Amino acid sequence: MYIRRISRKNKNGTVTSYVQLAHNERNPVTGNPQAKVYYTFGREDEVDMDNLRRLAESISRFVGDAPKVTQESVQTSLLDSKQFGTGYVLQSLWQELGIDKALSKRLAEPKYEAPIERMLFAMVANRALNPSSKRAVEDWVKTEVALPGVELFEVHQGYRAMDFLIESDEEIQREVYETVADLLNLEVDLLFFDTTSSYFEMDDEPEEGSIKQRGYSKDHRPDLPQVVIGFAVTRDGIPVRCWVWPGNTSDMSVIPQVKQDLIGWRLGRVITVVARGFNSETNLRELQKTGGHYIAGEKMSSGKQSVEDALARPGRFKTVRDNLEVKEVVVGDGEARTRYVLVRNPDEARRDERRREAHLKRLECELSRLKELDGDSHTKAHCALQSHQTYKRFLKSDKHGNLRIDKEAVKAAERLDGKYLIRTSDDTLSAEDVALGYKQLWQVEAAFRSLKQTIELRPMYHRKDDRIRAHVLLCWLSLLLVRVAENRTGRTWREIRQTMNAMHLITSKSGNNTVRQRTEVTPEQAEILKALGYKEPALIQKISTGKP
């Protein structure tokens, strides 16, 4: 790296010289050396040479060389050192996926004077790097992390940015999807959909009309108000759309809105994969509109005649993968026909058998103990067994009201060992493709785990409904960046974050000169950047005269 002078001839025949910080690199095509400019100090006749000398001495001291001590020498101070590498990765993804453009497109109106796009990026990055409240982001940006283009985060600007985000919710989600779909060549022939819930720790009763309501809690907290969150996820685990509903919304009721909201999206021929909770005739008909199809889990204990017929149909299972056997069953004729695929996992079947045998052994002990009790003790133990979540399915009462093991119930459970039933409307898919497609539903479950554990959706500190929805959108954008990074590198986000966080941006000051320089790139950091397709960040990020 060296200081060079470069001259340019003006139109009037005069020559102007400029001073630059440059480094020679070999051209990968021609093999010839060429200069890469890191920083331009300006016109030679305007450069403060004294400041340049002091900067040279400052750099010498920083790298360990003993500079010549002169009267002009000044002390170098290290002002701060902040995590830089992971923020650089997130910023690169943010730009590549076109999120900045999708936001800026709607920020042209005069009413948006604050740096809304940068505030949104700071909050999205915070969810991926150090999830915290919006007020805590202010100190985080100030003292811990160097985010490109974010010198300062003010919480009131953050709230204004969230308000903007929810105002443009539909348009931004669609634009981000279209950019990401084109850029990543997303396969959206299979679109997975599922819901989860997220609760609020609060003592007050939820307000009437608020989206914070009590309902069926997938977090096992029915005592707290919650919201229901839906995700549409591709087969690669990329979340392409999210929804937020009141906490008392049932899974059965959301499919029409999901289908309606995706009309007009460039999805092509889509087969929607849904879990058993969405398997109502109304929902399945909705998914078939406009040429769509579905793969849906079916409750084997639903009591539906078609399900009973499918389970009772004789036939051999076909092995399609290790621990995956399938049997296709068609029930009914003509338009009333229903295509099922019965799937069996031999290893899971053996586990189910061992678990049931252990349950029955403990149940026999409990029944023996019950015989020794009388009075209130007997009544309480009798009721406890009869209502036990696991044991009650294997129990029946005889004519005297005594509890006995129901051998028919045991036999019925045996025939379901290691099995699950899938229903599909697409006759062109093989039974193997149907089974493997449904098995990939774990992608949306993995997305929810990341949403709650990595992105830390909870706790939510917001009171207003729109702010709650905006918070979920920030988490969705963060999860999108995380998933793309994981898919490209083949590493978990935890590994990427830990490795790249070790790259710091150091700010040093010598006299009136301030230099921001990153630490050296380690081999592992270089490997991650290469897998992501990004160049190493510039060694010198900023050189300025005056206060930093």
Protein backbone atom coordinates (compact mmCIF):
# COMPACT_ATOMS: atom_id res chain seq x y z
CA MET A 1 0.00 0.00 0.00
CA TYR A 2 1.38 3.39 -0.95
CA ILE A 3 0.58 7.07 -1.51
CA ARG A 4 0.53 8.02 -5.19
CA ARG A 5 0.07 11.14 -7.31
CA ILE A 6 -2.19 10.90 -10.35
CA SER A 7 -2.56 13.69 -12.90
CA ARG A 8 -5.51 14.45 -15.14
CA LYS A 9 -5.61 16.82 -18.09
CA ASN A 10 -8.49 19.29 -18.07
CA LYS A 11 -10.44 20.47 -21.11
CA ASN A 12 -8.67 23.84 -21.02
CA GLY A 13 -5.27 22.14 -21.26
CA THR A 14 -4.28 22.53 -17.60
CA VAL A 15 -3.24 19.55 -15.46
CA THR A 16 -4.63 18.76 -11.99
CA SER A 17 -2.87 16.31 -9.66
CA TYR A 18 -4.59 14.23 -7.00
CA VAL A 19 -3.19 12.34 -4.00
CA GLN A 20 -4.49 8.80 -3.40
CA LEU A 21 -3.95 5.84 -1.07
CA ALA A 22 -3.55 2.80 -3.35
CA HIS A 23 -2.43 -0.82 -3.46
CA ASN A 24 -1.16 -2.86 -6.40
CA GLU A 25 -3.08 -6.02 -7.28
CA ARG A 26 -2.54 -8.48 -10.10
CA ASN A 27 -5.27 -8.48 -12.75
CA PRO A 28 -6.76 -12.03 -12.76
CA VAL A 29 -7.20 -11.91 -16.59
CA THR A 30 -4.09 -10.18 -17.95
CA GLY A 31 -1.76 -10.97 -15.06
CA ASN A 32 -0.49 -7.39 -15.05
CA PRO A 33 -0.32 -5.34 -11.85
CA GLN A 34 -2.95 -2.63 -11.46
CA ALA A 35 -3.63 -0.03 -8.77
CA LYS A 36 -6.66 -0.36 -6.49
CA VAL A 37 -7.54 2.99 -4.89
CA TYR A 38 -8.60 2.81 -1.23
CA TYR A 39 -8.94 6.52 -0.53
CA THR A 40 -8.57 9.84 -2.38
CA PHE A 41 -7.19 12.69 -0.26
CA GLY A 42 -8.11 15.34 -2.87
CA ARG A 43 -6.22 17.76 -5.08
CA GLU A 44 -2.50 17.94 -4.39
CA ASP A 45 -2.52 21.71 -4.00
CA GLU A 46 -5.23 21.44 -1.32
CA VAL A 47 -3.84 18.54 0.74
CA ASP A 48 -2.67 19.47 4.26
CA MET A 49 0.83 17.96 4.14
CA ASP A 50 1.37 18.37 7.89
CA ASN A 51 -1.73 16.33 8.59
CA LEU A 52 -0.55 13.70 6.08
CA ARG A 53 2.80 13.42 7.89
CA ARG A 54 1.06 12.99 11.23
CA LEU A 55 -1.19 10.32 9.70
CA ALA A 56 1.88 8.45 8.42
CA GLU A 57 3.40 8.52 11.90
CA SER A 58 0.08 7.37 13.40
CA ILE A 59 -0.09 4.38 11.05
CA SER A 60 3.55 3.50 11.82
CA ARG A 61 2.85 3.45 15.53
CA PHE A 62 -0.31 1.38 15.01
CA VAL A 63 1.52 -1.36 13.06
CA GLY A 64 4.39 -1.42 15.56
CA ASP A 65 7.11 0.52 13.73
CA ALA A 66 8.93 3.09 15.82
CA PRO A 67 8.39 6.47 14.12
CA LYS A 68 10.95 9.22 14.18
CA VAL A 69 10.15 11.44 17.13
CA THR A 70 9.80 15.06 16.06
CA GLN A 71 8.23 18.11 17.52
CA GLU A 72 5.28 17.52 15.19
CA SER A 73 4.72 14.00 16.53
CA VAL A 74 1.46 13.63 18.39
CA GLN A 75 0.01 10.85 20.47
CA THR A 76 -2.33 8.33 18.84
CA SER A 77 -5.48 7.40 20.74
CA LEU A 78 -7.59 4.30 20.12
CA LEU A 79 -11.13 5.61 20.48
CA ASP A 80 -13.16 2.43 20.17
CA SER A 81 -13.36 -1.10 18.76
CA LYS A 82 -16.74 -2.40 17.56
CA GLN A 83 -18.00 -5.63 16.03
CA PHE A 84 -18.03 -5.11 12.28
CA GLY A 85 -17.90 -8.37 10.28
CA THR A 86 -21.46 -9.67 10.77
CA GLY A 87 -22.96 -6.23 10.21
CA TYR A 88 -21.05 -6.10 6.92
CA VAL A 89 -22.50 -9.48 5.92
CA LEU A 90 -26.06 -8.42 6.78
CA GLN A 91 -25.66 -5.11 4.93
CA SER A 92 -24.38 -6.96 1.85
CA LEU A 93 -27.35 -9.33 1.93
CA TRP A 94 -29.74 -6.43 2.55
CA GLN A 95 -28.53 -4.71 -0.61
CA GLU A 96 -28.23 -7.84 -2.75
CA LEU A 97 -31.78 -8.95 -1.94
CA GLY A 98 -33.05 -5.49 -2.88
CA ILE A 99 -34.60 -4.73 0.49
CA ASP A 100 -33.03 -1.26 0.58
CA LYS A 101 -34.50 -0.45 -2.86
CA ALA A 102 -37.94 -1.83 -1.94
CA LEU A 103 -37.98 0.48 1.08
CA SER A 104 -36.42 3.53 -0.56
CA LYS A 105 -38.93 3.34 -3.40
CA ARG A 106 -41.64 4.31 -0.92
CA LEU A 107 -39.52 6.80 0.97
CA ALA A 108 -39.47 9.43 -1.78
CA GLU A 109 -42.35 11.35 -0.19
CA PRO A 110 -41.29 14.58 1.58
CA LYS A 111 -42.84 13.49 4.88
CA TYR A 112 -40.06 10.94 5.38
CA GLU A 113 -37.11 13.08 6.46
CA ALA A 114 -35.52 10.71 8.98
CA PRO A 115 -33.14 7.97 7.72
CA ILE A 116 -35.98 5.42 7.77
CA GLU A 117 -34.24 2.76 5.69
CA ARG A 118 -31.13 2.82 7.91
CA MET A 119 -33.24 2.70 11.08
CA LEU A 120 -35.07 -0.38 9.77
CA PHE A 121 -31.78 -2.04 8.86
CA ALA A 122 -30.42 -1.36 12.36
CA MET A 123 -33.45 -3.01 13.99
CA VAL A 124 -33.34 -5.98 11.60
CA ALA A 125 -29.61 -6.44 12.24
CA ASN A 126 -30.24 -6.25 15.98
CA ARG A 127 -32.66 -9.20 15.79
CA ALA A 128 -29.98 -11.28 14.07
CA LEU A 129 -27.01 -10.19 16.18
CA ASN A 130 -28.15 -9.21 19.66
CA PRO A 131 -31.96 -9.27 20.04
CA SER A 132 -33.11 -6.53 22.40
CA SER A 133 -35.74 -3.86 22.90
CA LYS A 134 -35.89 -0.91 20.54
CA ARG A 135 -34.63 1.38 23.32
CA ALA A 136 -31.64 -0.90 23.89
CA VAL A 137 -30.73 -0.69 20.18
CA GLU A 138 -29.74 2.94 20.80
CA ASP A 139 -26.91 1.98 23.19
CA TRP A 140 -26.02 -1.11 21.13
CA VAL A 141 -25.31 0.99 18.03
CA LYS A 142 -23.46 3.59 20.09
CA THR A 143 -21.10 1.27 21.96
CA GLU A 144 -20.99 -2.27 20.54
CA VAL A 145 -21.50 -2.58 16.79
CA ALA A 146 -20.44 -0.76 13.63
CA LEU A 147 -23.28 -0.98 11.10
CA PRO A 148 -22.63 0.47 7.62
CA GLY A 149 -24.37 3.81 7.29
CA VAL A 150 -25.70 3.82 10.85
CA GLU A 151 -23.75 6.28 12.94
CA LEU A 152 -26.58 6.88 15.40
CA PHE A 153 -29.88 5.21 16.27
CA GLU A 154 -32.58 7.23 17.99
CA VAL A 155 -35.54 5.33 19.36
CA HIS A 156 -38.15 7.85 18.20
CA GLN A 157 -36.82 7.48 14.65
CA GLY A 158 -36.99 3.72 15.08
CA TYR A 159 -40.68 3.92 15.99
CA ARG A 160 -41.32 6.19 13.02
CA ALA A 161 -39.59 3.65 10.79
CA MET A 162 -41.82 0.88 12.19
CA ASP A 163 -44.91 2.97 11.43
CA PHE A 164 -43.71 3.38 7.84
CA LEU A 165 -43.04 -0.36 7.57
CA ILE A 166 -46.58 -1.32 8.54
CA GLU A 167 -48.02 1.33 6.20
CA SER A 168 -46.25 -0.36 3.28
CA ASP A 169 -46.55 -3.94 4.58
CA GLU A 170 -48.21 -5.65 1.60
CA GLU A 171 -46.19 -3.87 -1.10
CA ILE A 172 -42.83 -4.39 0.61
CA GLN A 173 -43.41 -8.10 1.26
CA ARG A 174 -44.36 -8.64 -2.37
CA GLU A 175 -41.46 -6.62 -3.80
CA VAL A 176 -38.93 -8.33 -1.54
CA TYR A 177 -40.31 -11.74 -2.58
CA GLU A 178 -40.07 -10.94 -6.31
CA THR A 179 -36.49 -9.70 -5.98
CA VAL A 180 -35.44 -12.67 -3.86
CA ALA A 181 -37.23 -15.15 -6.16
CA ASP A 182 -35.39 -13.80 -9.21
CA LEU A 183 -32.03 -13.48 -7.51
CA LEU A 184 -32.00 -16.87 -5.80
CA ASN A 185 -34.01 -18.73 -8.46
CA LEU A 186 -36.34 -19.88 -5.72
CA GLU A 187 -38.25 -23.08 -6.31
CA VAL A 188 -41.80 -22.24 -5.30
CA ASP A 189 -43.53 -25.29 -6.71
CA LEU A 190 -43.95 -26.38 -3.10
CA LEU A 191 -45.02 -23.69 -0.63
CA PHE A 192 -45.19 -24.68 3.02
CA PHE A 193 -47.58 -22.93 5.38
CA ASP A 194 -48.04 -23.19 9.12
CA THR A 195 -48.80 -21.02 12.13
CA THR A 196 -47.37 -20.51 15.58
CA SER A 197 -48.27 -18.27 18.50
CA SER A 198 -46.33 -15.79 20.61
CA TYR A 199 -47.47 -14.57 24.00
CA PHE A 200 -47.20 -11.35 26.03
CA GLU A 201 -46.30 -11.36 29.70
CA MET A 202 -48.88 -8.96 31.12
CA ASP A 203 -51.22 -8.82 34.10
CA ASP A 204 -53.98 -6.74 32.51
CA GLU A 205 -56.80 -8.25 30.53
CA PRO A 206 -56.41 -7.78 26.75
CA GLU A 207 -58.34 -4.82 25.39
CA GLU A 208 -61.46 -5.44 23.34
CA GLY A 209 -60.64 -5.34 19.64
CA SER A 210 -56.89 -5.78 20.21
CA ILE A 211 -54.97 -8.51 18.41
CA LYS A 212 -53.62 -9.57 21.83
CA GLN A 213 -56.13 -12.26 22.83
CA ARG A 214 -56.15 -15.56 24.66
CA GLY A 215 -56.42 -18.66 22.50
CA TYR A 216 -54.86 -22.05 21.85
CA SER A 217 -51.20 -21.53 22.79
CA LYS A 218 -48.54 -23.47 20.89
CA ASP A 219 -46.10 -22.20 23.53
CA HIS A 220 -48.16 -23.92 26.26
CA ARG A 221 -49.08 -20.61 27.90
CA PRO A 222 -52.89 -20.49 27.67
CA ASP A 223 -52.91 -18.15 30.68
CA LEU A 224 -51.40 -15.26 28.67
CA PRO A 225 -52.70 -13.20 25.73
CA GLN A 226 -51.00 -13.89 22.42
CA VAL A 227 -50.96 -13.30 18.67
CA VAL A 228 -51.03 -15.95 15.93
CA ILE A 229 -48.27 -15.75 13.31
CA GLY A 230 -48.32 -17.47 9.92
CA PHE A 231 -45.38 -18.13 7.61
CA ALA A 232 -45.19 -19.24 3.98
CA VAL A 233 -41.82 -20.92 3.44
CA THR A 234 -40.13 -22.41 0.34
CA ARG A 235 -38.61 -25.90 0.20
CA ASP A 236 -35.21 -24.25 0.92
CA GLY A 237 -36.52 -22.70 4.13
CA ILE A 238 -36.76 -19.14 2.76
CA PRO A 239 -39.68 -17.27 4.41
CA VAL A 240 -41.47 -15.43 1.60
CA ARG A 241 -44.54 -14.07 3.41
CA CYS A 242 -45.77 -13.59 6.97
CA TRP A 243 -49.11 -12.80 8.62
CA VAL A 244 -50.23 -11.70 12.10
CA TRP A 245 -53.72 -12.50 13.45
CA PRO A 246 -55.47 -12.05 16.81
CA GLY A 247 -54.50 -14.61 19.42
CA ASN A 248 -57.90 -16.35 19.37
CA THR A 249 -57.74 -17.07 15.61
CA SER A 250 -58.12 -20.76 14.72
CA ASP A 251 -55.91 -22.42 12.14
CA MET A 252 -58.95 -23.53 10.16
CA SER A 253 -60.01 -19.94 9.46
CA VAL A 254 -56.87 -18.41 7.93
CA ILE A 255 -56.41 -20.33 4.68
CA PRO A 256 -58.84 -18.16 2.63
CA GLN A 257 -56.88 -15.01 3.53
CA VAL A 258 -53.54 -16.69 2.81
CA LYS A 259 -54.77 -17.78 -0.60
CA GLN A 260 -56.23 -14.34 -1.32
CA ASP A 261 -53.07 -12.48 -0.25
CA LEU A 262 -50.91 -14.55 -2.61
CA ILE A 263 -53.07 -13.88 -5.68
CA GLY A 264 -50.98 -12.00 -8.23
CA TRP A 265 -47.66 -13.17 -6.82
CA ARG A 266 -45.44 -14.83 -9.43
CA LEU A 267 -45.69 -18.27 -7.88
CA GLY A 268 -46.46 -20.42 -10.94
CA ARG A 269 -47.98 -23.85 -10.26
CA VAL A 270 -47.97 -24.13 -6.49
CA ILE A 271 -48.73 -27.09 -4.29
CA THR A 272 -49.37 -25.83 -0.77
CA VAL A 273 -48.24 -28.13 2.03
CA VAL A 274 -50.18 -27.74 5.28
CA ALA A 275 -50.27 -29.56 8.60
CA ARG A 276 -53.26 -31.46 9.96
CA GLY A 277 -54.67 -28.42 11.74
CA PHE A 278 -55.66 -26.85 8.40
CA ASN A 279 -57.31 -29.95 6.95
CA SER A 280 -60.94 -28.91 6.58
CA GLU A 281 -62.92 -29.48 3.40
CA THR A 282 -63.43 -25.71 3.04
CA ASN A 283 -59.70 -24.99 3.31
CA LEU A 284 -58.74 -27.74 0.88
CA ARG A 285 -61.23 -26.47 -1.69
CA GLU A 286 -59.78 -22.98 -1.20
CA LEU A 287 -56.27 -24.25 -1.93
CA GLN A 288 -57.47 -25.78 -5.21
CA LYS A 289 -58.77 -22.49 -6.58
CA THR A 290 -57.00 -20.97 -9.61
CA GLY A 291 -55.35 -24.29 -10.43
CA GLY A 292 -53.59 -24.81 -7.09
CA HIS A 293 -53.13 -28.12 -5.31
CA TYR A 294 -52.46 -29.26 -1.77
CA ILE A 295 -50.60 -31.85 0.27
CA ALA A 296 -52.22 -32.01 3.69
CA GLY A 297 -51.74 -34.09 6.80
CA GLU A 298 -54.79 -36.11 7.84
CA LYS A 299 -55.76 -36.99 11.42
CA MET A 300 -55.83 -40.78 11.59
CA SER A 301 -58.11 -40.69 14.64
CA SER A 302 -60.59 -38.28 13.06
CA GLY A 303 -63.30 -40.95 12.69
CA LYS A 304 -63.92 -39.96 9.03
CA GLN A 305 -65.12 -42.92 6.98
CA SER A 306 -62.66 -42.18 4.16
CA VAL A 307 -59.79 -42.21 6.65
CA GLU A 308 -60.95 -45.50 8.15
CA ASP A 309 -61.21 -46.98 4.63
CA ALA A 310 -57.71 -45.77 3.78
CA LEU A 311 -56.22 -47.28 6.94
CA ALA A 312 -58.06 -50.57 6.46
CA ARG A 313 -57.15 -51.00 2.79
CA PRO A 314 -54.85 -54.02 2.34
CA GLY A 315 -51.65 -53.76 0.35
CA ARG A 316 -47.90 -53.83 0.65
CA PHE A 317 -45.75 -50.85 1.54
CA LYS A 318 -43.08 -49.78 -0.94
CA THR A 319 -39.69 -48.73 0.41
CA VAL A 320 -38.64 -45.42 -1.19
CA ARG A 321 -35.93 -44.21 1.19
CA ASP A 322 -34.23 -45.41 4.36
CA ASN A 323 -36.92 -45.53 7.04
CA LEU A 324 -39.59 -44.36 4.59
CA GLU A 325 -42.23 -46.72 3.21
CA VAL A 326 -45.34 -45.61 1.28
CA LYS A 327 -48.64 -47.12 0.21
CA GLU A 328 -51.04 -45.27 -2.09
CA VAL A 329 -54.77 -45.59 -1.43
CA VAL A 330 -57.62 -44.10 -3.47
CA VAL A 331 -61.00 -43.97 -1.72
CA GLY A 332 -64.21 -43.35 -3.71
CA ASP A 333 -64.84 -42.83 -7.41
CA GLY A 334 -65.16 -39.94 -9.83
CA GLU A 335 -65.26 -36.45 -8.38
CA ALA A 336 -65.75 -37.91 -4.91
CA ARG A 337 -62.47 -39.82 -5.03
CA THR A 338 -59.80 -38.94 -2.49
CA ARG A 339 -56.14 -39.81 -2.92
CA TYR A 340 -54.23 -40.79 0.22
CA VAL A 341 -50.64 -41.79 0.83
CA LEU A 342 -50.04 -43.86 3.96
CA VAL A 343 -46.45 -43.44 5.16
CA ARG A 344 -44.62 -45.75 7.55
CA ASN A 345 -41.28 -45.26 9.31
CA PRO A 346 -40.05 -48.67 10.59
CA ASP A 347 -37.70 -47.14 13.19
CA GLU A 348 -40.48 -44.89 14.49
CA ALA A 349 -42.84 -47.89 14.58
CA ARG A 350 -40.45 -49.71 16.90
CA ARG A 351 -40.15 -46.63 19.11
CA ASP A 352 -43.95 -46.31 19.28
CA GLU A 353 -44.20 -49.96 20.31
CA ARG A 354 -41.62 -49.59 23.08
CA ARG A 355 -43.27 -46.40 24.38
CA ARG A 356 -46.71 -48.04 24.44
CA GLU A 357 -45.40 -51.13 26.24
CA ALA A 358 -43.79 -48.89 28.87
CA HIS A 359 -47.08 -46.93 29.27
CA LEU A 360 -49.10 -50.15 29.67
CA LYS A 361 -46.66 -51.53 32.23
CA ARG A 362 -46.96 -48.39 34.34
CA LEU A 363 -50.73 -48.38 33.86
CA GLU A 364 -51.01 -51.94 35.19
CA CYS A 365 -49.10 -50.87 38.29
CA GLU A 366 -51.45 -47.91 38.78
CA LEU A 367 -54.51 -50.15 38.41
CA SER A 368 -53.09 -52.59 40.97
CA ARG A 369 -52.47 -49.73 43.39
CA LEU A 370 -56.01 -48.47 42.78
CA LYS A 371 -57.45 -51.74 44.09
CA GLU A 372 -55.74 -51.17 47.44
CA LEU A 373 -57.36 -47.77 47.96
CA ASP A 374 -60.81 -46.90 49.22
CA GLY A 375 -62.89 -43.85 50.04
CA ASP A 376 -61.76 -40.44 48.83
CA SER A 377 -58.28 -41.73 48.00
CA HIS A 378 -59.77 -44.29 45.62
CA THR A 379 -62.06 -41.71 44.01
CA LYS A 380 -59.24 -39.21 43.44
CA ALA A 381 -56.89 -41.85 42.02
CA HIS A 382 -59.70 -43.23 39.82
CA CYS A 383 -60.46 -39.78 38.37
CA ALA A 384 -56.78 -39.00 37.88
CA LEU A 385 -56.27 -42.15 35.80
CA GLN A 386 -59.47 -41.66 33.83
CA SER A 387 -58.43 -38.12 32.81
CA HIS A 388 -54.71 -38.83 32.37
CA GLN A 389 -53.47 -37.48 29.04
CA THR A 390 -51.61 -40.68 28.12
CA TYR A 391 -53.42 -43.46 30.01
CA LYS A 392 -57.06 -42.56 29.29
CA ARG A 393 -56.90 -43.80 25.67
CA PHE A 394 -56.10 -47.34 26.92
CA LEU A 395 -58.79 -47.47 29.63
CA LYS A 396 -62.45 -48.51 29.80
CA SER A 397 -64.92 -49.08 32.62
CA ASP A 398 -66.56 -52.45 33.22
CA LYS A 399 -70.21 -52.87 34.25
CA HIS A 400 -69.25 -52.23 37.88
CA GLY A 401 -67.46 -48.96 37.05
CA ASN A 402 -63.98 -50.40 37.60
CA LEU A 403 -61.20 -49.35 35.26
CA ARG A 404 -59.71 -51.96 32.93
CA ILE A 405 -57.19 -51.92 30.08
CA ASP A 406 -59.06 -51.68 26.78
CA LYS A 407 -57.49 -54.37 24.58
CA GLU A 408 -59.32 -53.10 21.49
CA ALA A 409 -57.84 -49.65 22.02
CA VAL A 410 -54.36 -51.19 22.36
CA LYS A 411 -54.88 -53.13 19.12
CA ALA A 412 -56.08 -49.98 17.33
CA ALA A 413 -52.97 -48.11 18.49
CA GLU A 414 -50.74 -50.94 17.26
CA ARG A 415 -51.89 -50.58 13.67
CA LEU A 416 -50.86 -46.91 13.66
CA ASP A 417 -47.28 -47.45 14.88
CA GLY A 418 -44.84 -45.32 12.90
CA LYS A 419 -47.49 -44.23 10.42
CA TYR A 420 -49.00 -40.96 9.25
CA LEU A 421 -51.58 -40.26 6.58
CA ILE A 422 -51.32 -37.64 3.82
CA ARG A 423 -54.01 -36.43 1.47
CA THR A 424 -53.34 -34.74 -1.87
CA SER A 425 -55.31 -33.27 -4.77
CA ASP A 426 -52.50 -33.66 -7.31
CA ASP A 427 -52.63 -36.89 -9.33
CA THR A 428 -49.39 -36.12 -11.18
CA LEU A 429 -47.19 -36.50 -8.10
CA SER A 430 -45.83 -39.92 -7.25
CA ALA A 431 -46.54 -41.34 -3.80
CA GLU A 432 -42.84 -40.83 -2.99
CA ASP A 433 -42.97 -37.13 -3.97
CA VAL A 434 -46.09 -36.64 -1.85
CA ALA A 435 -44.43 -38.22 1.18
CA LEU A 436 -41.16 -36.33 0.76
CA GLY A 437 -43.01 -33.06 0.11
CA TYR A 438 -44.96 -33.41 3.36
CA LYS A 439 -41.85 -34.44 5.23
CA GLN A 440 -40.26 -31.11 4.21
CA LEU A 441 -42.87 -29.33 6.32
CA TRP A 442 -40.12 -29.33 8.94
CA GLN A 443 -38.70 -26.31 7.06
CA VAL A 444 -41.46 -24.07 8.37
CA GLU A 445 -41.07 -25.60 11.83
CA ALA A 446 -37.36 -24.81 11.62
CA ALA A 447 -38.25 -21.25 10.63
CA PHE A 448 -40.44 -20.90 13.72
CA ARG A 449 -37.67 -22.27 15.93
CA SER A 450 -35.24 -19.72 14.50
CA LEU A 451 -37.88 -17.01 14.90
CA LYS A 452 -38.23 -17.74 18.62
CA GLN A 453 -34.70 -18.83 19.50
CA THR A 454 -32.24 -17.07 17.15
CA ILE A 455 -34.24 -13.94 16.27
CA GLU A 456 -35.91 -13.99 19.71
CA LEU A 457 -39.38 -12.86 18.68
CA ARG A 458 -40.26 -12.81 22.38
CA PRO A 459 -40.58 -10.86 24.52
CA MET A 460 -42.61 -8.24 22.66
CA TYR A 461 -42.67 -4.89 24.41
CA HIS A 462 -45.16 -3.15 22.15
CA ARG A 463 -48.68 -2.13 23.13
CA LYS A 464 -50.14 -0.90 19.83
CA ASP A 465 -51.37 -3.47 17.31
CA ASP A 466 -49.52 -1.87 14.38
CA ARG A 467 -46.24 -1.84 16.30
CA ILE A 468 -46.71 -5.53 17.11
CA ARG A 469 -47.23 -6.29 13.42
CA ALA A 470 -44.21 -4.16 12.51
CA HIS A 471 -42.10 -6.05 15.07
CA VAL A 472 -43.05 -9.36 13.42
CA LEU A 473 -42.14 -7.90 10.01
CA LEU A 474 -38.70 -6.90 11.33
CA CYS A 475 -38.23 -10.45 12.60
CA TRP A 476 -39.33 -11.83 9.20
CA LEU A 477 -36.76 -9.68 7.37
CA SER A 478 -34.06 -10.74 9.82
CA LEU A 479 -34.96 -14.41 9.38
CA LEU A 480 -34.83 -13.97 5.59
CA LEU A 481 -31.23 -12.68 5.78
CA VAL A 482 -30.23 -15.42 8.22
CA ARG A 483 -31.72 -18.21 6.08
CA VAL A 484 -30.01 -17.03 2.88
CA ALA A 485 -26.67 -16.84 4.71
CA GLU A 486 -27.11 -20.35 6.14
CA ASN A 487 -28.09 -21.86 2.79
CA ARG A 488 -25.13 -20.33 0.96
CA THR A 489 -22.47 -21.19 3.52
CA GLY A 490 -23.79 -24.52 4.79
CA ARG A 491 -23.18 -23.21 8.33
CA THR A 492 -25.56 -22.35 11.13
CA TRP A 493 -26.15 -18.68 11.83
CA ARG A 494 -24.60 -19.16 15.27
CA GLU A 495 -21.33 -20.25 13.60
CA ILE A 496 -21.42 -17.40 11.06
CA ARG A 497 -22.16 -14.82 13.75
CA GLN A 498 -19.45 -16.04 16.11
CA THR A 499 -16.79 -16.08 13.37
CA MET A 500 -17.65 -12.76 11.74
CA ASN A 501 -18.18 -10.89 15.03
CA ALA A 502 -14.44 -11.31 15.64
CA MET A 503 -13.81 -8.85 12.79
CA HIS A 504 -13.76 -5.41 14.45
CA LEU A 505 -13.64 -1.84 13.22
CA ILE A 506 -11.06 0.14 15.16
CA THR A 507 -11.23 3.93 15.35
CA SER A 508 -7.95 5.72 16.12
CA LYS A 509 -7.14 9.42 16.33
CA SER A 510 -3.87 11.22 15.81
CA GLY A 511 -3.98 14.98 16.08
CA ASN A 512 -6.91 16.10 13.95
CA ASN A 513 -6.94 12.90 11.90
CA THR A 514 -9.31 10.00 12.57
CA VAL A 515 -8.88 6.60 10.91
CA ARG A 516 -11.39 3.75 10.91
CA GLN A 517 -9.71 0.49 9.99
CA ARG A 518 -10.92 -3.11 10.18
CA THR A 519 -8.91 -5.93 11.69
CA GLU A 520 -7.24 -8.49 9.43
CA VAL A 521 -9.48 -11.07 7.77
CA THR A 522 -8.93 -14.56 9.19
CA PRO A 523 -8.95 -17.65 6.91
CA GLU A 524 -12.32 -18.76 8.32
CA GLN A 525 -13.83 -15.31 7.77
CA ALA A 526 -12.48 -15.30 4.22
CA GLU A 527 -14.10 -18.71 3.63
CA ILE A 528 -17.51 -17.43 4.79
CA LEU A 529 -17.25 -14.29 2.63
CA LYS A 530 -16.28 -16.40 -0.38
CA ALA A 531 -19.24 -18.76 0.15
CA LEU A 532 -21.57 -15.75 0.38
CA GLY A 533 -20.07 -14.26 -2.78
CA TYR A 534 -18.83 -11.04 -1.16
CA LYS A 535 -15.44 -9.29 -1.30
CA GLU A 536 -13.51 -8.53 1.84
CA PRO A 537 -14.50 -5.12 3.22
CA ALA A 538 -12.00 -2.33 2.57
CA LEU A 539 -9.17 -2.23 5.08
CA ILE A 540 -9.52 1.53 5.59
CA GLN A 541 -13.17 2.38 6.04
CA LYS A 542 -12.82 6.10 6.64
CA ILE A 543 -10.19 8.80 7.05
CA SER A 544 -11.32 12.21 8.23
CA THR A 545 -9.96 15.41 9.67
CA GLY A 546 -11.58 16.83 12.78
CA LYS A 547 -13.76 15.09 15.35
CA PRO A 548 -14.68 11.43 14.64
